[in-house]
Amino acid sequence: MDVTEQAGVAVVIPSYRVRTFILDVISRIGPEVSAIYVVDDCCPEESGRYVTATCQDPRVRVIQHATNQGVGGAVLTGYQAAMADNMEIMIKIDGDGQMDPALIPTFIAPILAGYADYTKGNRFFNPEDVASMPKIRLLGNAGLSFLTKFSSGYWSIFDPTNGYTAIHKDVAALLPFDKLSRRYFFETDMLFRLNTVRAIVRDIPMRAHYGDEVSGLNIKKVFFEFFSKNIENFFKRIFYNYYLRDMSVSSFELPAGILLILYGCIYGGLHWFYSLQRGTYASAGTVMLAALPIILGIQFLLAFLSYDIQSEPGRNGARSLRCLTQRPYSGKMP
């Protein structure tokens, strides 16, 4: 059955300085979508008023923010409105025309089939497409992708700042909306929160169009902010998954590996310093007492990393969180 026959699909469009493009984006959203929520995030161009005055699509509902809350705040407002209207699946696309609405059925399909709880775009899937990406975005997104793998625990995904996403409402209901980042870290923070509820995330290959629009995300300005927040989320995830909710051999491998490496480096560094001061060579035993803990520590960390990668939700073909813990989708399966 064609996915376009499904009901209860909503699109959320954060609206901030996208007046030039937003009507074209709305016009390209297909009949598989039941509702479109345009969230005017206190846009200085009054894009919400513009859509209300000029758009004739009966599916469109404009929501106005009195103050700017950032892209994350706008998306969460749209999610809450869609969930209140009992929409089953919520897709978020930007209003600047970079994301092709024709891909919406592709984002929906894995969720309907029970193979994903959350789908997101990946502009790095095809090597040919990477060549068309601006170099600063390419390098910035690659660096942020590796950081996000560590912090979120989703080792098989890439392009974490990609805002083309879809989520089932039953999974969204499990997330702490009040704790999610409201600004550009929103998509990355979503991945961390999704891992804490063991949701299955899948990448969807896509192409991005780079035209006259100006991206609000400046990689050079946000990199250090993203770095610190990813490190914070990494430690939170490790605590939640390996100590608070469950314990395994890996719960001991990580601290053992860190302590052994620190001991080896400190012990070896001190004796290296003393040897320089005295003008003598360290004995073979001293070298081994420094090297062996480092070698063992690295092995422990590699073992932990291997376990963490294998523990990614959905890696072993598991069904989606919604299929296991929530009621099944009320419409027809594709």
Protein backbone atom coordinates (compact mmCIF):
# COMPACT_ATOMS: atom_id res chain seq x y z
CA MET A 1 0.00 0.00 0.00
CA ASP A 2 1.31 3.44 -0.97
CA VAL A 3 2.37 5.48 2.07
CA THR A 4 0.48 8.46 0.67
CA GLU A 5 -2.74 6.74 1.74
CA GLN A 6 -1.76 7.01 5.40
CA ALA A 7 -3.51 9.51 7.69
CA GLY A 8 -2.33 11.42 10.72
CA VAL A 9 0.93 12.78 9.28
CA ALA A 10 1.95 16.31 10.25
CA VAL A 11 4.71 18.63 9.05
CA VAL A 12 6.27 21.18 11.40
CA ILE A 13 8.03 24.17 9.78
CA PRO A 14 9.98 26.55 12.05
CA SER A 15 9.68 29.98 10.51
CA TYR A 16 12.40 32.58 11.00
CA ARG A 17 13.64 34.77 8.15
CA VAL A 18 12.27 32.38 5.51
CA ARG A 19 9.49 34.56 4.09
CA THR A 20 10.98 34.36 0.60
CA PHE A 21 10.89 30.55 0.48
CA ILE A 22 8.15 29.30 2.77
CA LEU A 23 5.19 29.43 0.39
CA ASP A 24 7.09 27.39 -2.17
CA VAL A 25 7.98 24.83 0.50
CA ILE A 26 4.34 24.51 1.57
CA SER A 27 3.17 24.17 -2.04
CA ARG A 28 5.47 21.15 -2.56
CA ILE A 29 4.17 19.20 0.45
CA GLY A 30 2.21 16.21 -0.88
CA PRO A 31 -1.23 14.79 -0.03
CA GLU A 32 0.25 12.24 2.39
CA VAL A 33 0.40 15.08 4.94
CA SER A 34 -2.76 15.87 6.91
CA ALA A 35 -1.63 18.99 8.76
CA ILE A 36 1.08 21.64 8.40
CA TYR A 37 2.18 23.67 11.43
CA VAL A 38 4.07 26.86 10.60
CA VAL A 39 5.65 28.14 13.82
CA ASP A 40 6.55 31.82 13.54
CA ASP A 41 9.43 32.11 16.01
CA CYS A 42 9.00 35.87 16.50
CA CYS A 43 10.21 36.34 12.93
CA PRO A 44 11.21 39.95 12.12
CA GLU A 45 9.76 39.43 8.62
CA GLU A 46 6.40 38.45 10.13
CA SER A 47 6.42 35.28 8.07
CA GLY A 48 3.53 33.84 10.08
CA ARG A 49 1.26 36.75 9.18
CA TYR A 50 2.44 36.46 5.60
CA VAL A 51 1.48 32.78 5.42
CA THR A 52 -1.90 33.46 7.05
CA ALA A 53 -2.66 36.21 4.53
CA THR A 54 -1.46 34.50 1.36
CA CYS A 55 -1.53 30.71 1.79
CA GLN A 56 -4.75 28.98 0.72
CA ASP A 57 -3.78 25.46 1.81
CA PRO A 58 -6.45 24.34 4.33
CA ARG A 59 -3.94 22.07 6.09
CA VAL A 60 -1.85 25.04 7.27
CA ARG A 61 -2.08 26.32 10.83
CA VAL A 62 0.15 29.21 11.93
CA ILE A 63 1.40 29.33 15.52
CA GLN A 64 2.93 32.57 16.77
CA HIS A 65 5.73 32.85 19.35
CA ALA A 66 5.73 36.06 21.36
CA THR A 67 9.50 35.71 21.89
CA ASN A 68 12.19 33.98 19.90
CA GLN A 69 12.80 30.48 21.27
CA GLY A 70 15.20 29.14 18.66
CA VAL A 71 14.68 26.34 16.17
CA GLY A 72 14.33 23.74 18.91
CA GLY A 73 11.68 25.73 20.73
CA ALA A 74 9.74 26.21 17.48
CA VAL A 75 9.88 22.50 16.66
CA LEU A 76 8.72 21.49 20.13
CA THR A 77 5.79 23.90 19.88
CA GLY A 78 4.85 22.27 16.59
CA TYR A 79 5.20 18.79 18.10
CA GLN A 80 2.93 19.69 21.00
CA ALA A 81 0.29 21.08 18.65
CA ALA A 82 0.45 18.00 16.42
CA MET A 83 0.23 15.64 19.40
CA ALA A 84 -2.77 17.58 20.74
CA ASP A 85 -4.42 17.06 17.36
CA ASN A 86 -3.61 13.33 17.57
CA MET A 87 -1.21 13.30 14.62
CA GLU A 88 0.60 9.94 14.46
CA ILE A 89 3.87 10.99 12.80
CA MET A 90 5.53 14.41 12.86
CA ILE A 91 8.01 15.52 10.21
CA LYS A 92 10.17 18.58 10.68
CA ILE A 93 11.48 20.43 7.64
CA ASP A 94 13.03 23.86 7.31
CA GLY A 95 11.29 26.69 5.56
CA ASP A 96 14.30 27.76 3.47
CA GLY A 97 13.84 25.27 0.64
CA GLN A 98 16.95 23.17 1.32
CA MET A 99 14.86 20.07 2.12
CA ASP A 100 12.78 18.39 -0.57
CA PRO A 101 9.21 17.69 0.68
CA ALA A 102 8.96 14.90 -1.90
CA LEU A 103 11.11 12.79 0.48
CA ILE A 104 8.46 12.82 3.22
CA PRO A 105 7.11 9.33 2.31
CA THR A 106 10.67 7.99 2.50
CA PHE A 107 11.07 9.36 6.02
CA ILE A 108 7.70 7.97 7.10
CA ALA A 109 8.05 4.43 5.72
CA PRO A 110 10.58 2.97 8.26
CA ILE A 111 8.46 4.27 11.15
CA LEU A 112 5.26 2.78 9.75
CA ALA A 113 7.00 -0.53 9.14
CA GLY A 114 8.27 -0.69 12.73
CA TYR A 115 11.96 -0.45 11.85
CA ALA A 116 12.51 3.01 13.32
CA ASP A 117 11.17 5.38 15.94
CA TYR A 118 12.95 8.41 14.49
CA THR A 119 14.36 9.05 11.04
CA LYS A 120 16.75 11.81 10.01
CA GLY A 121 18.40 12.98 6.83
CA ASN A 122 21.99 12.19 5.89
CA ARG A 123 23.62 14.34 3.21
CA PHE A 124 26.87 12.33 3.44
CA PHE A 125 25.44 9.02 2.21
CA ASN A 126 26.40 9.44 -1.45
CA PRO A 127 30.01 10.53 -2.14
CA GLU A 128 28.88 12.41 -5.23
CA ASP A 129 26.64 14.64 -3.14
CA VAL A 130 29.42 15.50 -0.68
CA ALA A 131 31.37 17.27 -3.42
CA SER A 132 28.58 19.86 -3.81
CA MET A 133 28.54 20.74 -0.10
CA PRO A 134 30.30 23.98 0.93
CA LYS A 135 33.70 23.05 2.39
CA ILE A 136 33.18 24.74 5.75
CA ARG A 137 29.91 22.85 6.20
CA LEU A 138 31.55 19.62 5.11
CA LEU A 139 34.37 19.88 7.65
CA GLY A 140 32.16 21.22 10.42
CA ASN A 141 29.49 18.57 10.00
CA ALA A 142 32.07 15.79 9.82
CA GLY A 143 33.62 16.92 13.11
CA LEU A 144 30.26 17.31 14.81
CA SER A 145 29.17 13.90 13.52
CA PHE A 146 32.06 12.13 15.24
CA LEU A 147 31.41 14.02 18.48
CA THR A 148 27.74 13.09 18.33
CA LYS A 149 28.52 9.40 17.85
CA PHE A 150 30.24 9.44 21.24
CA SER A 151 27.65 11.55 23.03
CA SER A 152 24.50 9.94 21.63
CA GLY A 153 25.56 6.31 21.29
CA TYR A 154 24.19 6.15 17.72
CA TRP A 155 27.36 5.00 16.01
CA SER A 156 25.77 4.19 12.66
CA ILE A 157 24.37 7.66 11.96
CA PHE A 158 26.00 10.71 10.43
CA ASP A 159 25.14 14.37 9.77
CA PRO A 160 23.65 15.03 13.25
CA THR A 161 22.75 18.67 12.59
CA ASN A 162 20.49 17.67 9.70
CA GLY A 163 17.06 19.06 10.53
CA TYR A 164 15.02 16.87 8.19
CA THR A 165 13.50 14.47 10.71
CA ALA A 166 10.43 12.36 11.46
CA ILE A 167 9.23 10.94 14.78
CA HIS A 168 6.25 8.94 16.01
CA LYS A 169 4.14 10.75 18.58
CA ASP A 170 4.30 7.84 21.06
CA VAL A 171 8.09 8.13 21.12
CA ALA A 172 8.02 11.94 21.29
CA ALA A 173 5.76 11.63 24.33
CA LEU A 174 8.58 9.84 26.19
CA LEU A 175 11.01 12.73 25.74
CA PRO A 176 11.52 15.49 28.35
CA PHE A 177 10.57 18.51 26.26
CA ASP A 178 11.49 20.86 29.09
CA LYS A 179 15.10 19.61 29.07
CA LEU A 180 15.75 19.60 25.32
CA SER A 181 18.01 22.30 23.91
CA ARG A 182 16.06 25.12 22.26
CA ARG A 183 18.75 26.41 19.90
CA TYR A 184 20.98 24.89 17.24
CA PHE A 185 22.02 22.01 19.49
CA PHE A 186 18.43 20.74 19.34
CA GLU A 187 18.90 17.97 16.74
CA THR A 188 22.02 16.66 18.48
CA ASP A 189 20.40 16.80 21.90
CA MET A 190 17.39 14.93 20.49
CA LEU A 191 19.66 12.00 19.61
CA PHE A 192 21.02 11.87 23.14
CA ARG A 193 17.51 11.92 24.62
CA LEU A 194 16.32 9.28 22.17
CA ASN A 195 19.12 6.96 23.26
CA THR A 196 18.08 7.28 26.90
CA VAL A 197 14.69 5.77 25.97
CA ARG A 198 16.37 3.20 23.63
CA ALA A 199 14.62 4.52 20.51
CA ILE A 200 15.73 3.23 17.10
CA VAL A 201 17.13 5.92 14.80
CA ARG A 202 17.70 5.45 11.06
CA ASP A 203 19.50 7.66 8.55
CA ILE A 204 17.68 8.53 5.31
CA PRO A 205 19.92 9.40 2.33
CA MET A 206 19.06 12.80 0.92
CA ARG A 207 20.39 15.64 -1.13
CA ALA A 208 20.47 19.22 0.11
CA HIS A 209 19.92 22.20 -2.11
CA TYR A 210 22.19 25.19 -1.53
CA GLY A 211 20.79 28.26 -3.20
CA ASP A 212 20.32 31.88 -2.13
CA GLU A 213 19.26 31.05 1.41
CA VAL A 214 21.60 31.93 4.28
CA SER A 215 22.14 29.29 6.93
CA GLY A 216 21.75 30.51 10.51
CA LEU A 217 24.15 27.83 11.74
CA ASN A 218 27.71 29.15 11.73
CA ILE A 219 29.92 26.12 12.33
CA LYS A 220 32.90 28.22 13.44
CA LYS A 221 30.85 30.01 16.10
CA VAL A 222 29.03 27.00 17.53
CA PHE A 223 31.75 24.34 17.36
CA PHE A 224 33.09 24.90 20.89
CA GLU A 225 29.56 25.15 22.29
CA PHE A 226 28.67 21.88 20.57
CA PHE A 227 31.91 20.31 21.79
CA SER A 228 31.24 21.10 25.46
CA LYS A 229 27.59 20.02 25.29
CA ASN A 230 28.49 16.76 23.53
CA ILE A 231 31.05 15.97 26.23
CA GLU A 232 28.42 16.68 28.89
CA ASN A 233 25.90 14.42 27.15
CA PHE A 234 28.49 11.66 26.79
CA PHE A 235 29.03 11.46 30.54
CA LYS A 236 25.28 11.64 31.18
CA ARG A 237 24.65 8.78 28.74
CA ILE A 238 27.37 6.62 30.26
CA PHE A 239 25.97 7.19 33.74
CA TYR A 240 22.38 6.50 32.68
CA ASN A 241 23.07 3.41 30.57
CA TYR A 242 25.98 1.75 32.40
CA TYR A 243 25.46 2.58 36.06
CA LEU A 244 21.95 3.86 36.78
CA ARG A 245 19.78 1.57 34.62
CA ASP A 246 22.05 -1.41 34.11
CA MET A 247 25.51 -2.73 34.89
CA SER A 248 27.71 -5.05 32.86
CA VAL A 249 31.38 -5.91 32.44
CA SER A 250 31.73 -2.74 30.36
CA SER A 251 30.70 -0.70 33.39
CA PHE A 252 34.05 -1.70 34.92
CA GLU A 253 36.11 -1.69 31.71
CA LEU A 254 35.69 2.06 31.18
CA PRO A 255 36.91 3.30 34.60
CA ALA A 256 39.58 0.57 34.76
CA GLY A 257 40.91 1.61 31.36
CA ILE A 258 41.01 5.29 32.29
CA LEU A 259 42.72 4.65 35.65
CA LEU A 260 45.31 2.31 34.15
CA ILE A 261 46.23 4.79 31.41
CA LEU A 262 46.47 7.64 33.91
CA TYR A 263 48.63 5.56 36.24
CA GLY A 264 50.96 4.49 33.43
CA CYS A 265 51.32 8.03 32.09
CA ILE A 266 51.93 9.59 35.53
CA TYR A 267 54.31 6.84 36.69
CA GLY A 268 56.22 6.86 33.40
CA GLY A 269 56.29 10.66 33.24
CA LEU A 270 57.71 11.01 36.74
CA HIS A 271 60.44 8.44 36.14
CA TRP A 272 61.26 9.98 32.77
CA PHE A 273 61.65 13.35 34.53
CA TYR A 274 63.88 11.83 37.26
CA SER A 275 66.00 10.12 34.59
CA LEU A 276 66.57 13.43 32.84
CA GLN A 277 67.54 15.10 36.10
CA ARG A 278 70.01 12.36 37.00
CA GLY A 279 71.27 11.70 33.49
CA THR A 280 70.55 7.97 33.78
CA TYR A 281 68.42 5.47 31.90
CA ALA A 282 65.34 3.93 33.47
CA SER A 283 65.51 0.21 34.10
CA ALA A 284 63.57 -2.28 32.00
CA GLY A 285 61.31 -2.98 34.96
CA THR A 286 60.47 0.69 35.34
CA VAL A 287 59.63 0.95 31.65
CA MET A 288 57.37 -2.11 31.87
CA LEU A 289 55.60 -0.77 34.97
CA ALA A 290 54.76 2.33 32.96
CA ALA A 291 53.97 0.70 29.60
CA LEU A 292 51.96 -2.31 30.77
CA PRO A 293 49.15 -0.31 32.49
CA ILE A 294 48.87 1.90 29.40
CA ILE A 295 48.59 -1.11 27.09
CA LEU A 296 46.04 -2.79 29.34
CA GLY A 297 44.10 0.46 29.73
CA ILE A 298 43.86 0.89 25.96
CA GLN A 299 42.61 -2.69 25.64
CA PHE A 300 39.93 -2.05 28.26
CA LEU A 301 38.81 1.13 26.49
CA LEU A 302 38.66 -0.65 23.13
CA ALA A 303 36.59 -3.43 24.69
CA PHE A 304 34.20 -0.85 26.15
CA LEU A 305 33.96 0.98 22.83
CA SER A 306 33.19 -2.27 21.00
CA TYR A 307 30.43 -3.11 23.47
CA ASP A 308 29.00 0.41 23.24
CA ILE A 309 28.85 0.22 19.44
CA GLN A 310 27.13 -3.16 19.54
CA SER A 311 24.64 -1.83 22.09
CA GLU A 312 23.26 0.83 19.74
CA PRO A 313 19.43 0.57 19.73
CA GLY A 314 18.24 -1.42 16.73
CA ARG A 315 21.67 -2.69 15.69
CA ASN A 316 20.63 -6.34 16.03
CA GLY A 317 17.45 -5.99 14.00
CA ALA A 318 15.17 -5.17 16.94
CA ARG A 319 11.75 -3.74 16.27
CA SER A 320 11.01 -0.14 17.10
CA LEU A 321 10.29 1.08 20.61
CA ARG A 322 6.73 1.90 19.59
CA CYS A 323 6.10 -1.68 18.45
CA LEU A 324 7.37 -3.06 21.76
CA THR A 325 5.86 -0.70 24.30
CA GLN A 326 3.08 1.28 22.67
CA ARG A 327 -0.10 0.56 20.78
CA PRO A 328 0.35 -0.21 17.07
CA TYR A 329 -0.18 2.35 14.35
CA SER A 330 -3.88 2.87 13.80
CA GLY A 331 -3.73 3.20 10.02
CA LYS A 332 -2.90 0.75 7.27
CA MET A 333 0.63 -0.57 7.01
CA PRO A 334 2.51 0.21 3.78
